[in-house]
Each structure stands twice: as structure tokens, then as C-alpha cells.
Amino acid sequence: MGAVVAGLLWITLPDPREYATEWPERTAYMEGWLDGAEAGARSIAYRPVPLSRIPESLHRAVLVSEDAGFYGHGGFDWHEMGAAMREAWEERELPRGASTISQQLARNLYLSPSRNPLRKLREALITRRIEARLSKNRILELYLNVIEFGPGIYGVEAAARHYFGKSVSGLSRREAAELAATIPSPRGNNPATRTRSFQWRARLAHARAFGGVEIDTLGPPPDTIEVAPPSLGDSLGAAGGEPGVPDTSRAGLPRLDTLRADTAADTARADTTRREPGSNDPAGERPARTDSIRPDTTSRRGSPAPREIR
């Protein structure tokens, strides 16, 4: 019976090859945001840009925060999934999230935040199809352009303009770390709300991605997620960053394939933070590992031209 259900699901799956050279008009998560209010009461900010315009510092900050093994797995991080299940068994609670970037992309493009088992099965099948039909670079490019960064804000370009008043190509490392820290719970913890949880995650992302601060000095994460009234406040960063994709040998940014592995204490602390409703990975937050990031060597066709969608 299970094989029959899986077979029927496979036949009805969407084909991600349509996004090999084209941008989504809207994703399932964008539609969910627009449908969550009276008609016309909400809008979305969504400005897709090619990967070449997104600084490598932002690639790095997101990868170490969300899916350090991205370039080494086939869509599923079995190490993290096993750790999540063991933790759930020991704590007698639902498992925390262990979703990879590919799984998050599948959910954002086609599905919903529901934790229904059938939806999870469909997500897994779509993830396999995405990995089989799109290159790793294209998957990352789509992810960075459709992931939610705040109420109605989708993709790194729209987020950079909203929070920092500049194009994503001009973000500094600090600003890149802040965007990476926004992904777990974008509606309540972002550069505008600047909650304690957000600031802790931003410092952690910066330390993991760029060094300069001993992770052990950050202290434990806040026990609960705060939701502060939106206020841009001091979230505007200093001008000047790494335009385009920087030359890492000159910029002092270590190569992605030479990152150090996190300490056990660091991982244990990261395990304690949780995602809130409206997050990009609603099942909970996965700890970031940095021991298997490497650049993509898969060739692919050029990125589609950027297109503004209002």
C-alpha cells in the first residue's frame, strides 16, 4: 500500500526543471502569505538576482548556519536527521528540524509549513527530484532568492534593500551574518526587531563564517524567542561591503573548503534554539556544521536574467 501511495505521489510531483533557467513567479509560501489576509491587504517584496551578484560572504554565512554539508549530500543530511531523532527520543518530544537547503527549497516552492506526514513524504520526493534535475549552484541560487526574510519579504535582494537600504551586492560581512540569522524565524527575529535571540544568532553566524570571535565567548543562546515591535533602529549597517563575488584571497575570507569543524559545545548550544511559526524550517532549528562545505564544481547553464516582481 505504501509503495502505491508513493508511486501516485511521484507521478503527480512538479517538475523543477522549469526553474533551471527561469525564476518562480511566486512560491507556495508567497501565496500562503498573500492568502493569509483580506484580498489586497498584503503584498510581497521579491527581486531575484543571479548568484554572481550575491557576495560570497553571504553564501558562506547562510551555508554554515543552515546546511554546512550542502555540497556533499544528495538532498538529505542523514547525520543531522539521526541526531535529531536521538535527541527527540531522549527528550520525549517531537524532533527538531534537520532540513537541508534542498528540503527547504522544496517546501518553499511547492508546499506549506504543515508537519502532516503525507506532506513530509511529498517534500522528500520533491527534494530528490530537485537534486536530480538542478545543479547545486542553481539550488542555492533559487534558495537565496525565494527564502523568507520577514513579513512579505522574500529573497536576499529584497531583504538587503528593506533592512539595509542597499543592494545585496554591497552587503558587509556583518550584514550578511544578520541575514543568515534571520532565516530560522524571519517574522519575529530579524534586523528590524533585533531581539536577543536574533543578535545571538547573528554573532554566532559571523563567528562561524568569518572568525575573529571565539564561539565559546558568545555564551548560551536565549531560552525563548522574543518578538519585539518592528523598529529599524540601529539595524542599518555601515556602508561598504563585498560587492559582487569577492576575491577571497584578497578579502581575507577563508576558502569554503577549509573551514574548521565546530566544537561539540558550540553544536550543543545551537541545538537549544527553536524556530517559531512562520519560519522557513517549521520543524525546528538544525545546528550548523562547517566540516563539509566546498564549492560546487557542477557546470550548468547561465543564471536567468534578474527580473523584478511586484
C-alpha atoms as a PDB file:
ATOM      1  CA  MET A   1       0.000   0.000   0.000  1.00  0.00           C
ATOM      2  CA  GLY A   2       2.784   2.363   0.921  1.00  0.00           C
ATOM      3  CA  ALA A   3       4.501   1.742  -2.412  1.00  0.00           C
ATOM      4  CA  VAL A   4       1.271   2.537  -4.244  1.00  0.00           C
ATOM      5  CA  VAL A   5       0.874   5.828  -2.382  1.00  0.00           C
ATOM      6  CA  ALA A   6       4.499   6.741  -3.076  1.00  0.00           C
ATOM      7  CA  GLY A   7       4.026   5.862  -6.745  1.00  0.00           C
ATOM      8  CA  LEU A   8       0.958   8.057  -7.075  1.00  0.00           C
ATOM      9  CA  LEU A   9       2.728  10.906  -5.330  1.00  0.00           C
ATOM     10  CA  TRP A  10       5.727  10.550  -7.655  1.00  0.00           C
ATOM     11  CA  ILE A  11       3.530  10.754 -10.763  1.00  0.00           C
ATOM     12  CA  THR A  12       1.901  13.981  -9.553  1.00  0.00           C
ATOM     13  CA  LEU A  13       5.107  15.710  -8.473  1.00  0.00           C
ATOM     14  CA  PRO A  14       6.006  19.073 -10.020  1.00  0.00           C
ATOM     15  CA  ASP A  15       8.969  19.207 -12.387  1.00  0.00           C
ATOM     16  CA  PRO A  16      11.636  21.610 -11.043  1.00  0.00           C
ATOM     17  CA  ARG A  17      13.341  21.778 -14.453  1.00  0.00           C
ATOM     18  CA  GLU A  18      11.060  24.717 -15.223  1.00  0.00           C
ATOM     19  CA  TYR A  19      13.238  26.695 -12.802  1.00  0.00           C
ATOM     20  CA  ALA A  20      16.557  25.694 -14.358  1.00  0.00           C
ATOM     21  CA  THR A  21      16.651  28.989 -16.251  1.00  0.00           C
ATOM     22  CA  GLU A  22      13.518  30.817 -15.057  1.00  0.00           C
ATOM     23  CA  TRP A  23      12.548  32.438 -11.770  1.00  0.00           C
ATOM     24  CA  PRO A  24       9.333  31.435  -9.991  1.00  0.00           C
ATOM     25  CA  GLU A  25       6.586  33.999 -10.415  1.00  0.00           C
ATOM     26  CA  ARG A  26       5.540  33.175  -6.849  1.00  0.00           C
ATOM     27  CA  THR A  27       6.175  30.322  -4.463  1.00  0.00           C
ATOM     28  CA  ALA A  28       3.742  28.371  -2.308  1.00  0.00           C
ATOM     29  CA  TYR A  29       4.960  30.282   0.751  1.00  0.00           C
ATOM     30  CA  MET A  30       4.394  33.616  -1.008  1.00  0.00           C
ATOM     31  CA  GLU A  31       0.872  32.533  -1.935  1.00  0.00           C
ATOM     32  CA  GLY A  32       0.294  31.476   1.663  1.00  0.00           C
ATOM     33  CA  TRP A  33       1.360  34.910   2.889  1.00  0.00           C
ATOM     34  CA  LEU A  34      -0.932  36.685   0.421  1.00  0.00           C
ATOM     35  CA  ASP A  35      -3.852  34.384   1.245  1.00  0.00           C
ATOM     36  CA  GLY A  36      -3.456  34.991   4.971  1.00  0.00           C
ATOM     37  CA  ALA A  37      -5.288  38.314   4.911  1.00  0.00           C
ATOM     38  CA  GLU A  38      -8.170  40.014   3.176  1.00  0.00           C
ATOM     39  CA  ALA A  39      -7.670  40.342  -0.562  1.00  0.00           C
ATOM     40  CA  GLY A  40      -5.252  43.126  -1.371  1.00  0.00           C
ATOM     41  CA  ALA A  41      -4.265  43.724   2.265  1.00  0.00           C
ATOM     42  CA  ARG A  42      -0.796  42.208   1.835  1.00  0.00           C
ATOM     43  CA  SER A  43       1.971  42.483  -0.731  1.00  0.00           C
ATOM     44  CA  ILE A  44       5.325  40.829  -1.293  1.00  0.00           C
ATOM     45  CA  ALA A  45       8.814  42.194  -1.934  1.00  0.00           C
ATOM     46  CA  TYR A  46      10.650  39.809  -4.282  1.00  0.00           C
ATOM     47  CA  ARG A  47      13.559  40.780  -6.557  1.00  0.00           C
ATOM     48  CA  PRO A  48      15.500  37.721  -7.778  1.00  0.00           C
ATOM     49  CA  VAL A  49      19.159  38.239  -8.691  1.00  0.00           C
ATOM     50  CA  PRO A  50      21.785  35.834 -10.102  1.00  0.00           C
ATOM     51  CA  LEU A  51      24.214  34.084  -7.797  1.00  0.00           C
ATOM     52  CA  SER A  52      27.085  36.149  -9.215  1.00  0.00           C
ATOM     53  CA  ARG A  53      25.582  39.280  -7.630  1.00  0.00           C
ATOM     54  CA  ILE A  54      25.311  37.727  -4.180  1.00  0.00           C
ATOM     55  CA  PRO A  55      28.539  38.153  -2.155  1.00  0.00           C
ATOM     56  CA  GLU A  56      30.438  35.015  -1.244  1.00  0.00           C
ATOM     57  CA  SER A  57      30.316  36.234   2.347  1.00  0.00           C
ATOM     58  CA  LEU A  58      26.538  35.766   2.271  1.00  0.00           C
ATOM     59  CA  HIS A  59      26.859  32.334   0.638  1.00  0.00           C
ATOM     60  CA  ARG A  60      29.167  31.352   3.479  1.00  0.00           C
ATOM     61  CA  ALA A  61      27.087  32.789   6.307  1.00  0.00           C
ATOM     62  CA  VAL A  62      23.945  31.019   5.083  1.00  0.00           C
ATOM     63  CA  LEU A  63      25.686  27.699   4.457  1.00  0.00           C
ATOM     64  CA  VAL A  64      27.331  27.498   7.888  1.00  0.00           C
ATOM     65  CA  SER A  65      24.052  28.482   9.531  1.00  0.00           C
ATOM     66  CA  GLU A  66      21.605  26.341   7.573  1.00  0.00           C
ATOM     67  CA  ASP A  67      23.316  23.468   5.800  1.00  0.00           C
ATOM     68  CA  ALA A  68      27.087  23.143   6.076  1.00  0.00           C
ATOM     69  CA  GLY A  69      27.057  19.819   4.250  1.00  0.00           C
ATOM     70  CA  PHE A  70      25.101  21.178   1.283  1.00  0.00           C
ATOM     71  CA  TYR A  71      27.736  20.464  -1.376  1.00  0.00           C
ATOM     72  CA  GLY A  72      28.412  16.998  -0.004  1.00  0.00           C
ATOM     73  CA  HIS A  73      24.951  15.418   0.341  1.00  0.00           C
ATOM     74  CA  GLY A  74      22.232  14.427  -2.087  1.00  0.00           C
ATOM     75  CA  GLY A  75      19.465  16.458  -0.503  1.00  0.00           C
ATOM     76  CA  PHE A  76      19.315  14.878   2.957  1.00  0.00           C
ATOM     77  CA  ASP A  77      21.758  15.232   5.825  1.00  0.00           C
ATOM     78  CA  TRP A  78      21.485  11.803   7.416  1.00  0.00           C
ATOM     79  CA  HIS A  79      23.892  12.740  10.205  1.00  0.00           C
ATOM     80  CA  GLU A  80      21.684  15.632  11.301  1.00  0.00           C
ATOM     81  CA  MET A  81      18.490  13.624  10.883  1.00  0.00           C
ATOM     82  CA  GLY A  82      19.889  10.875  13.081  1.00  0.00           C
ATOM     83  CA  ALA A  83      20.979  13.390  15.706  1.00  0.00           C
ATOM     84  CA  ALA A  84      17.535  14.991  15.677  1.00  0.00           C
ATOM     85  CA  MET A  85      15.809  11.633  16.168  1.00  0.00           C
ATOM     86  CA  ARG A  86      18.137  10.637  19.014  1.00  0.00           C
ATOM     87  CA  GLU A  87      17.569  13.972  20.736  1.00  0.00           C
ATOM     88  CA  ALA A  88      13.797  13.669  20.316  1.00  0.00           C
ATOM     89  CA  TRP A  89      13.849  10.152  21.784  1.00  0.00           C
ATOM     90  CA  GLU A  90      15.914  11.262  24.770  1.00  0.00           C
ATOM     91  CA  GLU A  91      13.779  14.340  25.449  1.00  0.00           C
ATOM     92  CA  ARG A  92      10.442  12.649  24.639  1.00  0.00           C
ATOM     93  CA  GLU A  93       9.366  15.384  22.239  1.00  0.00           C
ATOM     94  CA  LEU A  94       8.909  15.959  18.510  1.00  0.00           C
ATOM     95  CA  PRO A  95      12.242  16.082  16.664  1.00  0.00           C
ATOM     96  CA  ARG A  96      13.856  19.415  15.899  1.00  0.00           C
ATOM     97  CA  GLY A  97      14.339  20.368  12.284  1.00  0.00           C
ATOM     98  CA  ALA A  98      17.098  18.785  10.256  1.00  0.00           C
ATOM     99  CA  SER A  99      16.016  20.214   6.919  1.00  0.00           C
ATOM    100  CA  THR A 100      18.682  20.827   4.306  1.00  0.00           C
ATOM    101  CA  ILE A 101      18.653  23.758   1.898  1.00  0.00           C
ATOM    102  CA  SER A 102      17.215  21.447  -0.778  1.00  0.00           C
ATOM    103  CA  GLN A 103      14.378  20.364   1.523  1.00  0.00           C
ATOM    104  CA  GLN A 104      13.629  23.954   2.499  1.00  0.00           C
ATOM    105  CA  LEU A 105      13.569  24.936  -1.184  1.00  0.00           C
ATOM    106  CA  ALA A 106      11.141  22.104  -1.993  1.00  0.00           C
ATOM    107  CA  ARG A 107       8.823  23.225   0.783  1.00  0.00           C
ATOM    108  CA  ASN A 108       9.007  26.920  -0.096  1.00  0.00           C
ATOM    109  CA  LEU A 109       8.431  26.379  -3.818  1.00  0.00           C
ATOM    110  CA  TYR A 110       5.615  23.862  -3.707  1.00  0.00           C
ATOM    111  CA  LEU A 111       4.285  23.057  -0.241  1.00  0.00           C
ATOM    112  CA  SER A 112       3.322  24.548   3.132  1.00  0.00           C
ATOM    113  CA  PRO A 113       4.705  24.688   6.683  1.00  0.00           C
ATOM    114  CA  SER A 114       2.418  21.798   7.704  1.00  0.00           C
ATOM    115  CA  ARG A 115       4.020  18.848   9.506  1.00  0.00           C
ATOM    116  CA  ASN A 116       1.484  16.366   8.107  1.00  0.00           C
ATOM    117  CA  PRO A 117       3.262  13.038   7.360  1.00  0.00           C
ATOM    118  CA  LEU A 118       1.900  12.955   3.803  1.00  0.00           C
ATOM    119  CA  ARG A 119       3.234  16.466   3.206  1.00  0.00           C
ATOM    120  CA  LYS A 120       6.619  15.375   4.591  1.00  0.00           C
ATOM    121  CA  LEU A 121       6.670  12.429   2.205  1.00  0.00           C
ATOM    122  CA  ARG A 122       5.844  14.694  -0.713  1.00  0.00           C
ATOM    123  CA  GLU A 123       8.610  17.061   0.403  1.00  0.00           C
ATOM    124  CA  ALA A 124      11.126  14.209   0.415  1.00  0.00           C
ATOM    125  CA  LEU A 125      10.150  13.125  -3.096  1.00  0.00           C
ATOM    126  CA  ILE A 126      10.321  16.679  -4.441  1.00  0.00           C
ATOM    127  CA  THR A 127      13.719  17.108  -2.788  1.00  0.00           C
ATOM    128  CA  ARG A 128      15.019  14.025  -4.614  1.00  0.00           C
ATOM    129  CA  ARG A 129      13.702  15.405  -7.889  1.00  0.00           C
ATOM    130  CA  ILE A 130      15.248  18.845  -7.271  1.00  0.00           C
ATOM    131  CA  GLU A 131      18.634  17.278  -6.555  1.00  0.00           C
ATOM    132  CA  ALA A 132      18.400  15.093  -9.675  1.00  0.00           C
ATOM    133  CA  ARG A 133      17.355  17.846 -12.083  1.00  0.00           C
ATOM    134  CA  LEU A 134      19.053  21.026 -10.879  1.00  0.00           C
ATOM    135  CA  SER A 135      22.725  21.736 -10.162  1.00  0.00           C
ATOM    136  CA  LYS A 136      23.855  22.533  -6.641  1.00  0.00           C
ATOM    137  CA  ASN A 137      24.631  26.119  -7.605  1.00  0.00           C
ATOM    138  CA  ARG A 138      21.163  26.581  -9.090  1.00  0.00           C
ATOM    139  CA  ILE A 139      19.544  25.102  -5.986  1.00  0.00           C
ATOM    140  CA  LEU A 140      21.461  27.538  -3.784  1.00  0.00           C
ATOM    141  CA  GLU A 141      20.642  30.407  -6.152  1.00  0.00           C
ATOM    142  CA  LEU A 142      16.921  29.661  -6.030  1.00  0.00           C
ATOM    143  CA  TYR A 143      17.000  29.203  -2.263  1.00  0.00           C
ATOM    144  CA  LEU A 144      18.672  32.547  -1.621  1.00  0.00           C
ATOM    145  CA  ASN A 145      16.129  34.252  -3.853  1.00  0.00           C
ATOM    146  CA  VAL A 146      12.884  32.766  -2.505  1.00  0.00           C
ATOM    147  CA  ILE A 147      13.512  32.168   1.201  1.00  0.00           C
ATOM    148  CA  GLU A 148      11.548  34.389   3.592  1.00  0.00           C
ATOM    149  CA  PHE A 149      13.374  37.182   5.454  1.00  0.00           C
ATOM    150  CA  GLY A 150      10.447  38.934   7.123  1.00  0.00           C
ATOM    151  CA  PRO A 151       6.723  39.554   6.681  1.00  0.00           C
ATOM    152  CA  GLY A 152       6.235  39.581   2.914  1.00  0.00           C
ATOM    153  CA  ILE A 153       9.994  39.845   2.217  1.00  0.00           C
ATOM    154  CA  TYR A 154      11.438  37.115   0.001  1.00  0.00           C
ATOM    155  CA  GLY A 155      14.995  36.678  -1.188  1.00  0.00           C
ATOM    156  CA  VAL A 156      18.284  38.293  -0.294  1.00  0.00           C
ATOM    157  CA  GLU A 157      17.937  41.282  -2.648  1.00  0.00           C
ATOM    158  CA  ALA A 158      14.567  42.370  -1.264  1.00  0.00           C
ATOM    159  CA  ALA A 159      15.866  41.778   2.284  1.00  0.00           C
ATOM    160  CA  ALA A 160      19.034  43.819   1.739  1.00  0.00           C
ATOM    161  CA  ARG A 161      17.039  46.742   0.368  1.00  0.00           C
ATOM    162  CA  HIS A 162      14.422  46.542   3.127  1.00  0.00           C
ATOM    163  CA  TYR A 163      16.756  46.248   6.115  1.00  0.00           C
ATOM    164  CA  PHE A 164      19.941  47.972   4.952  1.00  0.00           C
ATOM    165  CA  GLY A 165      18.855  50.297   2.141  1.00  0.00           C
ATOM    166  CA  LYS A 166      21.257  48.814  -0.401  1.00  0.00           C
ATOM    167  CA  SER A 167      21.580  46.070  -2.997  1.00  0.00           C
ATOM    168  CA  VAL A 168      22.707  42.659  -1.785  1.00  0.00           C
ATOM    169  CA  SER A 169      25.968  43.064  -3.724  1.00  0.00           C
ATOM    170  CA  GLY A 170      27.031  45.796  -1.290  1.00  0.00           C
ATOM    171  CA  LEU A 171      26.437  43.959   1.984  1.00  0.00           C
ATOM    172  CA  SER A 172      29.185  43.833   4.594  1.00  0.00           C
ATOM    173  CA  ARG A 173      30.073  40.653   6.420  1.00  0.00           C
ATOM    174  CA  ARG A 174      28.125  41.785   9.483  1.00  0.00           C
ATOM    175  CA  GLU A 175      25.039  42.407   7.378  1.00  0.00           C
ATOM    176  CA  ALA A 176      25.468  39.036   5.656  1.00  0.00           C
ATOM    177  CA  ALA A 177      25.580  37.337   9.069  1.00  0.00           C
ATOM    178  CA  GLU A 178      22.424  39.206  10.116  1.00  0.00           C
ATOM    179  CA  LEU A 179      20.518  37.987   7.057  1.00  0.00           C
ATOM    180  CA  ALA A 180      21.666  34.425   7.751  1.00  0.00           C
ATOM    181  CA  ALA A 181      20.470  34.799  11.350  1.00  0.00           C
ATOM    182  CA  THR A 182      17.040  35.896  10.101  1.00  0.00           C
ATOM    183  CA  ILE A 183      16.212  32.664   8.254  1.00  0.00           C
ATOM    184  CA  PRO A 184      15.178  30.495  11.257  1.00  0.00           C
ATOM    185  CA  SER A 185      12.315  32.792  12.359  1.00  0.00           C
ATOM    186  CA  PRO A 186      12.102  35.692   9.905  1.00  0.00           C
ATOM    187  CA  ARG A 187       8.887  37.335  11.052  1.00  0.00           C
ATOM    188  CA  GLY A 188       9.877  37.798  14.681  1.00  0.00           C
ATOM    189  CA  ASN A 189      13.682  37.787  14.686  1.00  0.00           C
ATOM    190  CA  ASN A 190      15.290  39.954  12.027  1.00  0.00           C
ATOM    191  CA  PRO A 191      17.444  43.096  11.627  1.00  0.00           C
ATOM    192  CA  ALA A 192      14.415  45.276  12.393  1.00  0.00           C
ATOM    193  CA  THR A 193      13.241  43.584  15.601  1.00  0.00           C
ATOM    194  CA  ARG A 194      16.789  42.938  16.862  1.00  0.00           C
ATOM    195  CA  THR A 195      15.651  40.565  19.599  1.00  0.00           C
ATOM    196  CA  ARG A 196      18.217  38.964  21.888  1.00  0.00           C
ATOM    197  CA  SER A 197      17.718  35.657  20.061  1.00  0.00           C
ATOM    198  CA  PHE A 198      18.415  37.322  16.713  1.00  0.00           C
ATOM    199  CA  GLN A 199      21.519  39.137  17.945  1.00  0.00           C
ATOM    200  CA  TRP A 200      22.936  35.936  19.437  1.00  0.00           C
ATOM    201  CA  ARG A 201      22.406  34.030  16.184  1.00  0.00           C
ATOM    202  CA  ALA A 202      23.937  36.873  14.158  1.00  0.00           C
ATOM    203  CA  ARG A 203      27.071  36.793  16.326  1.00  0.00           C
ATOM    204  CA  LEU A 204      27.217  33.011  16.021  1.00  0.00           C
ATOM    205  CA  ALA A 205      26.845  33.126  12.210  1.00  0.00           C
ATOM    206  CA  HIS A 206      29.571  35.759  11.976  1.00  0.00           C
ATOM    207  CA  ALA A 207      31.941  33.797  14.217  1.00  0.00           C
ATOM    208  CA  ARG A 208      31.415  30.568  12.291  1.00  0.00           C
ATOM    209  CA  ALA A 209      31.699  32.148   8.875  1.00  0.00           C
ATOM    210  CA  PHE A 210      34.473  34.680   9.358  1.00  0.00           C
ATOM    211  CA  GLY A 211      36.172  34.021  12.699  1.00  0.00           C
ATOM    212  CA  GLY A 212      37.519  36.869  14.794  1.00  0.00           C
ATOM    213  CA  VAL A 213      35.469  35.861  17.849  1.00  0.00           C
ATOM    214  CA  GLU A 214      35.823  32.727  19.936  1.00  0.00           C
ATOM    215  CA  ILE A 215      32.480  30.914  19.778  1.00  0.00           C
ATOM    216  CA  ASP A 216      32.821  29.897  23.435  1.00  0.00           C
ATOM    217  CA  THR A 217      32.689  33.584  24.430  1.00  0.00           C
ATOM    218  CA  LEU A 218      29.170  34.045  22.997  1.00  0.00           C
ATOM    219  CA  GLY A 219      27.517  32.364  25.953  1.00  0.00           C
ATOM    220  CA  PRO A 220      24.355  30.244  25.769  1.00  0.00           C
ATOM    221  CA  PRO A 221      21.510  31.267  23.467  1.00  0.00           C
ATOM    222  CA  PRO A 222      18.410  32.938  24.896  1.00  0.00           C
ATOM    223  CA  ASP A 223      15.992  30.349  26.259  1.00  0.00           C
ATOM    224  CA  THR A 224      12.961  31.790  24.496  1.00  0.00           C
ATOM    225  CA  ILE A 225      12.288  33.594  21.252  1.00  0.00           C
ATOM    226  CA  GLU A 226      11.304  37.207  21.742  1.00  0.00           C
ATOM    227  CA  VAL A 227       9.057  39.143  19.401  1.00  0.00           C
ATOM    228  CA  ALA A 228       9.745  42.867  19.593  1.00  0.00           C
ATOM    229  CA  PRO A 229       7.791  45.698  17.932  1.00  0.00           C
ATOM    230  CA  PRO A 230       9.276  46.338  14.468  1.00  0.00           C
ATOM    231  CA  SER A 231      11.779  49.175  14.614  1.00  0.00           C
ATOM    232  CA  LEU A 232      14.596  49.623  12.162  1.00  0.00           C
ATOM    233  CA  GLY A 233      16.645  51.345  14.833  1.00  0.00           C
ATOM    234  CA  ASP A 234      20.345  50.708  14.518  1.00  0.00           C
ATOM    235  CA  SER A 235      19.949  47.869  12.023  1.00  0.00           C
ATOM    236  CA  LEU A 236      21.297  49.945   9.151  1.00  0.00           C
ATOM    237  CA  GLY A 237      24.858  48.781   8.671  1.00  0.00           C
ATOM    238  CA  ALA A 238      27.877  50.801   7.720  1.00  0.00           C
ATOM    239  CA  ALA A 239      28.276  51.463   4.028  1.00  0.00           C
ATOM    240  CA  GLY A 240      30.734  49.377   2.105  1.00  0.00           C
ATOM    241  CA  GLY A 241      30.925  45.637   1.832  1.00  0.00           C
ATOM    242  CA  GLU A 242      31.994  42.962  -0.538  1.00  0.00           C
ATOM    243  CA  PRO A 243      30.462  43.925  -3.908  1.00  0.00           C
ATOM    244  CA  GLY A 244      29.753  41.070  -6.266  1.00  0.00           C
ATOM    245  CA  VAL A 245      31.619  37.869  -5.524  1.00  0.00           C
ATOM    246  CA  PRO A 246      34.862  38.892  -3.821  1.00  0.00           C
ATOM    247  CA  ASP A 247      38.327  37.516  -4.427  1.00  0.00           C
ATOM    248  CA  THR A 248      38.603  35.591  -1.185  1.00  0.00           C
ATOM    249  CA  SER A 249      42.380  35.508  -1.232  1.00  0.00           C
ATOM    250  CA  ARG A 250      42.475  39.311  -1.128  1.00  0.00           C
ATOM    251  CA  ALA A 251      39.414  39.855   1.061  1.00  0.00           C
ATOM    252  CA  GLY A 252      40.774  37.630   3.821  1.00  0.00           C
ATOM    253  CA  LEU A 253      37.778  35.264   3.561  1.00  0.00           C
ATOM    254  CA  PRO A 254      38.929  31.657   4.010  1.00  0.00           C
ATOM    255  CA  ARG A 255      38.026  29.234   1.248  1.00  0.00           C
ATOM    256  CA  LEU A 256      34.787  27.363   1.832  1.00  0.00           C
ATOM    257  CA  ASP A 257      36.575  24.025   1.686  1.00  0.00           C
ATOM    258  CA  THR A 258      38.978  24.899   4.529  1.00  0.00           C
ATOM    259  CA  LEU A 259      36.509  25.808   7.267  1.00  0.00           C
ATOM    260  CA  ARG A 260      37.114  24.344  10.700  1.00  0.00           C
ATOM    261  CA  ALA A 261      34.641  21.922  12.237  1.00  0.00           C
ATOM    262  CA  ASP A 262      32.507  23.334  15.052  1.00  0.00           C
ATOM    263  CA  THR A 263      33.256  22.311  18.596  1.00  0.00           C
ATOM    264  CA  ALA A 264      30.932  19.923  20.367  1.00  0.00           C
ATOM    265  CA  ALA A 265      29.994  22.651  22.839  1.00  0.00           C
ATOM    266  CA  ASP A 266      29.074  25.019  20.013  1.00  0.00           C
ATOM    267  CA  THR A 267      26.828  22.430  18.400  1.00  0.00           C
ATOM    268  CA  ALA A 268      25.161  21.611  21.691  1.00  0.00           C
ATOM    269  CA  ARG A 269      24.301  25.281  22.246  1.00  0.00           C
ATOM    270  CA  ALA A 270      22.963  25.676  18.718  1.00  0.00           C
ATOM    271  CA  ASP A 271      20.700  22.673  19.291  1.00  0.00           C
ATOM    272  CA  THR A 272      18.777  24.525  22.003  1.00  0.00           C
ATOM    273  CA  THR A 273      17.332  27.292  19.827  1.00  0.00           C
ATOM    274  CA  ARG A 274      13.986  26.682  18.155  1.00  0.00           C
ATOM    275  CA  ARG A 275      12.144  28.083  15.182  1.00  0.00           C
ATOM    276  CA  GLU A 276       8.872  29.881  15.629  1.00  0.00           C
ATOM    277  CA  PRO A 277       5.711  29.705  13.474  1.00  0.00           C
ATOM    278  CA  GLY A 278       6.222  31.384  10.121  1.00  0.00           C
ATOM    279  CA  SER A 279       9.766  30.110   9.833  1.00  0.00           C
ATOM    280  CA  ASN A 280      11.456  28.681   6.739  1.00  0.00           C
ATOM    281  CA  ASP A 281      12.000  25.349   8.517  1.00  0.00           C
ATOM    282  CA  PRO A 282       8.941  24.937  10.756  1.00  0.00           C
ATOM    283  CA  ALA A 283      10.021  21.644  12.261  1.00  0.00           C
ATOM    284  CA  GLY A 284      12.661  23.346  14.359  1.00  0.00           C
ATOM    285  CA  GLU A 285      16.209  24.532  14.024  1.00  0.00           C
ATOM    286  CA  ARG A 286      19.154  22.394  12.963  1.00  0.00           C
ATOM    287  CA  PRO A 287      22.668  23.105  14.208  1.00  0.00           C
ATOM    288  CA  ALA A 288      25.110  24.249  11.573  1.00  0.00           C
ATOM    289  CA  ARG A 289      28.227  22.252  10.788  1.00  0.00           C
ATOM    290  CA  THR A 290      31.189  23.580   8.848  1.00  0.00           C
ATOM    291  CA  ASP A 291      33.183  20.471   8.129  1.00  0.00           C
ATOM    292  CA  SER A 292      31.949  19.688   4.637  1.00  0.00           C
ATOM    293  CA  ILE A 293      31.342  22.932   2.769  1.00  0.00           C
ATOM    294  CA  ARG A 294      33.010  23.054  -0.600  1.00  0.00           C
ATOM    295  CA  PRO A 295      32.434  24.985  -3.806  1.00  0.00           C
ATOM    296  CA  ASP A 296      30.246  23.464  -6.481  1.00  0.00           C
ATOM    297  CA  THR A 297      32.067  22.049  -9.489  1.00  0.00           C
ATOM    298  CA  THR A 298      28.923  21.133 -11.414  1.00  0.00           C
ATOM    299  CA  SER A 299      28.604  23.020 -14.666  1.00  0.00           C
ATOM    300  CA  ARG A 300      25.247  24.477 -15.626  1.00  0.00           C
ATOM    301  CA  ARG A 301      23.687  26.960 -17.940  1.00  0.00           C
ATOM    302  CA  GLY A 302      23.938  30.619 -17.046  1.00  0.00           C
ATOM    303  CA  SER A 303      21.631  32.110 -14.459  1.00  0.00           C
ATOM    304  CA  PRO A 304      18.391  33.616 -15.754  1.00  0.00           C
ATOM    305  CA  ALA A 305      18.373  37.359 -16.070  1.00  0.00           C
ATOM    306  CA  PRO A 306      17.135  39.201 -12.963  1.00  0.00           C
ATOM    307  CA  ARG A 307      13.543  40.298 -13.057  1.00  0.00           C
ATOM    308  CA  GLU A 308      11.614  42.479 -10.644  1.00  0.00           C
ATOM    309  CA  ILE A 309       8.273  41.215  -9.411  1.00  0.00           C
ATOM    310  CA  ARG A 310       5.975  43.494  -7.521  1.00  0.00           C
END
